[in-house]
């Protein structure tokens, strides 16, 4: 956020913070949320790159289309191991998994 906009909002009484601050998340909880989001985003991108539908991925992993939709939405009811198994089912290697969960650097985040 630009400094001028931030100052204007704060002058109007708004508080500026992160989602973690708003929700009162610990560092560990924040890390888990970010990890889940990265895996979910990676799964959707890999599925689309391989021209798979959610239904075809579900069949591949022995699950349901609605479960795949929940995985891609980073639903908290989806276990991390199912996210990882699904990524592996799309052909992801350990190196690719590492890239998926790697935090963006400041130069790539811009």
C-alpha atoms as a PDB file:
ATOM      1  CA  UNK A   1       0.000   0.000   0.000  1.00  0.00           C
ATOM      2  CA  UNK A   2       1.269   3.419  -0.874  1.00  0.00           C
ATOM      3  CA  UNK A   3       2.326   5.609   2.038  1.00  0.00           C
ATOM      4  CA  UNK A   4      -0.087   8.417   1.143  1.00  0.00           C
ATOM      5  CA  UNK A   5      -3.061   6.056   1.031  1.00  0.00           C
ATOM      6  CA  UNK A   6      -2.033   4.446   4.313  1.00  0.00           C
ATOM      7  CA  UNK A   7      -1.761   7.845   6.028  1.00  0.00           C
ATOM      8  CA  UNK A   8      -5.152   8.904   4.675  1.00  0.00           C
ATOM      9  CA  UNK A   9      -6.819   5.718   5.956  1.00  0.00           C
ATOM     10  CA  UNK A  10      -5.128   5.961   9.354  1.00  0.00           C
ATOM     11  CA  UNK A  11      -6.163   9.627   9.618  1.00  0.00           C
ATOM     12  CA  UNK A  12      -9.766   8.515   9.020  1.00  0.00           C
ATOM     13  CA  UNK A  13      -9.472   6.106  11.966  1.00  0.00           C
ATOM     14  CA  UNK A  14      -8.748   2.875  10.081  1.00  0.00           C
ATOM     15  CA  UNK A  15      -6.178   0.428  11.415  1.00  0.00           C
ATOM     16  CA  UNK A  16      -3.834  -1.169   8.921  1.00  0.00           C
ATOM     17  CA  UNK A  17      -2.610  -4.705   9.574  1.00  0.00           C
ATOM     18  CA  UNK A  18      -2.322  -8.220   8.272  1.00  0.00           C
ATOM     19  CA  UNK A  19      -4.896 -10.989   8.184  1.00  0.00           C
ATOM     20  CA  UNK A  20      -2.852 -12.795  10.839  1.00  0.00           C
ATOM     21  CA  UNK A  21      -3.099  -9.774  13.140  1.00  0.00           C
ATOM     22  CA  UNK A  22      -6.842  -9.481  12.546  1.00  0.00           C
ATOM     23  CA  UNK A  23      -7.389 -13.165  13.308  1.00  0.00           C
ATOM     24  CA  UNK A  24      -4.879 -13.278  16.156  1.00  0.00           C
ATOM     25  CA  UNK A  25      -2.848 -16.087  14.577  1.00  0.00           C
ATOM     26  CA  UNK A  26       0.456 -17.231  16.025  1.00  0.00           C
ATOM     27  CA  UNK A  27       3.531 -17.443  13.802  1.00  0.00           C
ATOM     28  CA  UNK A  28       3.063 -21.212  13.548  1.00  0.00           C
ATOM     29  CA  UNK A  29      -0.609 -20.864  12.594  1.00  0.00           C
ATOM     30  CA  UNK A  30       0.248 -18.222  10.019  1.00  0.00           C
ATOM     31  CA  UNK A  31       2.931 -20.476   8.529  1.00  0.00           C
ATOM     32  CA  UNK A  32       0.495 -23.399   8.255  1.00  0.00           C
ATOM     33  CA  UNK A  33      -2.117 -21.209   6.559  1.00  0.00           C
ATOM     34  CA  UNK A  34       0.467 -19.928   4.077  1.00  0.00           C
ATOM     35  CA  UNK A  35       1.697 -23.468   3.420  1.00  0.00           C
ATOM     36  CA  UNK A  36      -1.848 -24.714   2.791  1.00  0.00           C
ATOM     37  CA  UNK A  37      -2.497 -21.800   0.413  1.00  0.00           C
ATOM     38  CA  UNK A  38       0.720 -22.489  -1.519  1.00  0.00           C
ATOM     39  CA  UNK A  39      -0.088 -26.198  -1.885  1.00  0.00           C
ATOM     40  CA  UNK A  40      -3.659 -25.437  -2.972  1.00  0.00           C
ATOM     41  CA  UNK A  41      -2.480 -22.895  -5.554  1.00  0.00           C
ATOM     42  CA  UNK A  42       0.189 -25.302  -6.780  1.00  0.00           C
ATOM     43  CA  UNK A  43      -2.337 -28.108  -7.170  1.00  0.00           C
ATOM     44  CA  UNK A  44      -4.705 -25.976  -9.225  1.00  0.00           C
ATOM     45  CA  UNK A  45      -1.896 -24.716 -11.467  1.00  0.00           C
ATOM     46  CA  UNK A  46      -0.509 -28.227 -12.030  1.00  0.00           C
ATOM     47  CA  UNK A  47      -3.967 -29.655 -12.720  1.00  0.00           C
ATOM     48  CA  UNK A  48      -4.721 -26.933 -15.264  1.00  0.00           C
ATOM     49  CA  UNK A  49      -1.285 -27.251 -16.898  1.00  0.00           C
ATOM     50  CA  UNK A  50      -1.963 -30.960 -17.440  1.00  0.00           C
ATOM     51  CA  UNK A  51      -5.445 -30.221 -18.835  1.00  0.00           C
ATOM     52  CA  UNK A  52      -7.130 -32.227 -16.099  1.00  0.00           C
ATOM     53  CA  UNK A  53     -10.596 -31.461 -14.830  1.00  0.00           C
ATOM     54  CA  UNK A  54     -11.296 -31.596 -11.130  1.00  0.00           C
ATOM     55  CA  UNK A  55     -13.310 -34.768 -11.808  1.00  0.00           C
ATOM     56  CA  UNK A  56     -10.450 -36.444 -13.682  1.00  0.00           C
ATOM     57  CA  UNK A  57      -7.978 -35.577 -10.922  1.00  0.00           C
ATOM     58  CA  UNK A  58     -10.444 -36.908  -8.355  1.00  0.00           C
ATOM     59  CA  UNK A  59     -10.642 -40.211 -10.238  1.00  0.00           C
ATOM     60  CA  UNK A  60      -6.847 -40.352 -10.412  1.00  0.00           C
ATOM     61  CA  UNK A  61      -6.496 -40.003  -6.625  1.00  0.00           C
ATOM     62  CA  UNK A  62      -9.579 -42.008  -5.684  1.00  0.00           C
ATOM     63  CA  UNK A  63     -11.533 -39.074  -4.324  1.00  0.00           C
ATOM     64  CA  UNK A  64     -14.430 -36.854  -5.380  1.00  0.00           C
ATOM     65  CA  UNK A  65     -14.616 -33.717  -7.519  1.00  0.00           C
ATOM     66  CA  UNK A  66     -15.967 -31.768  -4.552  1.00  0.00           C
ATOM     67  CA  UNK A  67     -12.931 -32.834  -2.500  1.00  0.00           C
ATOM     68  CA  UNK A  68     -10.600 -31.578  -5.239  1.00  0.00           C
ATOM     69  CA  UNK A  69     -12.514 -28.276  -5.240  1.00  0.00           C
ATOM     70  CA  UNK A  70     -11.996 -28.059  -1.466  1.00  0.00           C
ATOM     71  CA  UNK A  71      -8.284 -28.803  -1.892  1.00  0.00           C
ATOM     72  CA  UNK A  72      -7.935 -26.023  -4.455  1.00  0.00           C
ATOM     73  CA  UNK A  73      -9.823 -23.654  -2.145  1.00  0.00           C
ATOM     74  CA  UNK A  74      -7.378 -24.457   0.692  1.00  0.00           C
ATOM     75  CA  UNK A  75     -10.256 -25.712   2.848  1.00  0.00           C
ATOM     76  CA  UNK A  76      -9.053 -26.491   6.357  1.00  0.00           C
ATOM     77  CA  UNK A  77     -10.929 -29.826   6.340  1.00  0.00           C
ATOM     78  CA  UNK A  78      -8.482 -31.189   3.747  1.00  0.00           C
ATOM     79  CA  UNK A  79      -5.476 -32.983   5.218  1.00  0.00           C
ATOM     80  CA  UNK A  80      -1.988 -31.920   4.156  1.00  0.00           C
ATOM     81  CA  UNK A  81      -1.181 -35.480   3.109  1.00  0.00           C
ATOM     82  CA  UNK A  82      -4.071 -35.461   0.612  1.00  0.00           C
ATOM     83  CA  UNK A  83      -2.794 -32.223  -0.880  1.00  0.00           C
ATOM     84  CA  UNK A  84       0.687 -33.715  -1.193  1.00  0.00           C
ATOM     85  CA  UNK A  85      -0.586 -37.042  -2.604  1.00  0.00           C
ATOM     86  CA  UNK A  86      -2.623 -35.130  -5.176  1.00  0.00           C
ATOM     87  CA  UNK A  87       0.374 -33.092  -6.245  1.00  0.00           C
ATOM     88  CA  UNK A  88       2.454 -36.249  -6.570  1.00  0.00           C
ATOM     89  CA  UNK A  89      -0.380 -37.809  -8.606  1.00  0.00           C
ATOM     90  CA  UNK A  90      -0.052 -34.922 -11.077  1.00  0.00           C
ATOM     91  CA  UNK A  91       3.613 -35.839 -11.465  1.00  0.00           C
ATOM     92  CA  UNK A  92       5.160 -33.316  -9.092  1.00  0.00           C
ATOM     93  CA  UNK A  93       8.687 -34.174  -8.040  1.00  0.00           C
ATOM     94  CA  UNK A  94      10.250 -33.264  -4.687  1.00  0.00           C
ATOM     95  CA  UNK A  95      12.010 -30.377  -6.380  1.00  0.00           C
ATOM     96  CA  UNK A  96       8.703 -29.114  -7.788  1.00  0.00           C
ATOM     97  CA  UNK A  97       7.057 -29.481  -4.388  1.00  0.00           C
ATOM     98  CA  UNK A  98       9.872 -27.418  -2.891  1.00  0.00           C
ATOM     99  CA  UNK A  99       9.285 -24.721  -5.517  1.00  0.00           C
ATOM    100  CA  UNK A 100       5.554 -24.709  -4.754  1.00  0.00           C
ATOM    101  CA  UNK A 101       6.041 -24.119  -1.027  1.00  0.00           C
ATOM    102  CA  UNK A 102       8.989 -21.745  -1.381  1.00  0.00           C
ATOM    103  CA  UNK A 103       8.193 -18.205  -0.294  1.00  0.00           C
ATOM    104  CA  UNK A 104       8.432 -15.681  -3.103  1.00  0.00           C
ATOM    105  CA  UNK A 105      11.457 -13.427  -2.898  1.00  0.00           C
ATOM    106  CA  UNK A 106      10.949  -9.680  -2.761  1.00  0.00           C
ATOM    107  CA  UNK A 107      11.994  -9.352  -6.406  1.00  0.00           C
ATOM    108  CA  UNK A 108       9.476 -11.959  -7.619  1.00  0.00           C
ATOM    109  CA  UNK A 109       6.677 -10.711  -5.357  1.00  0.00           C
ATOM    110  CA  UNK A 110       6.625  -7.300  -7.013  1.00  0.00           C
END
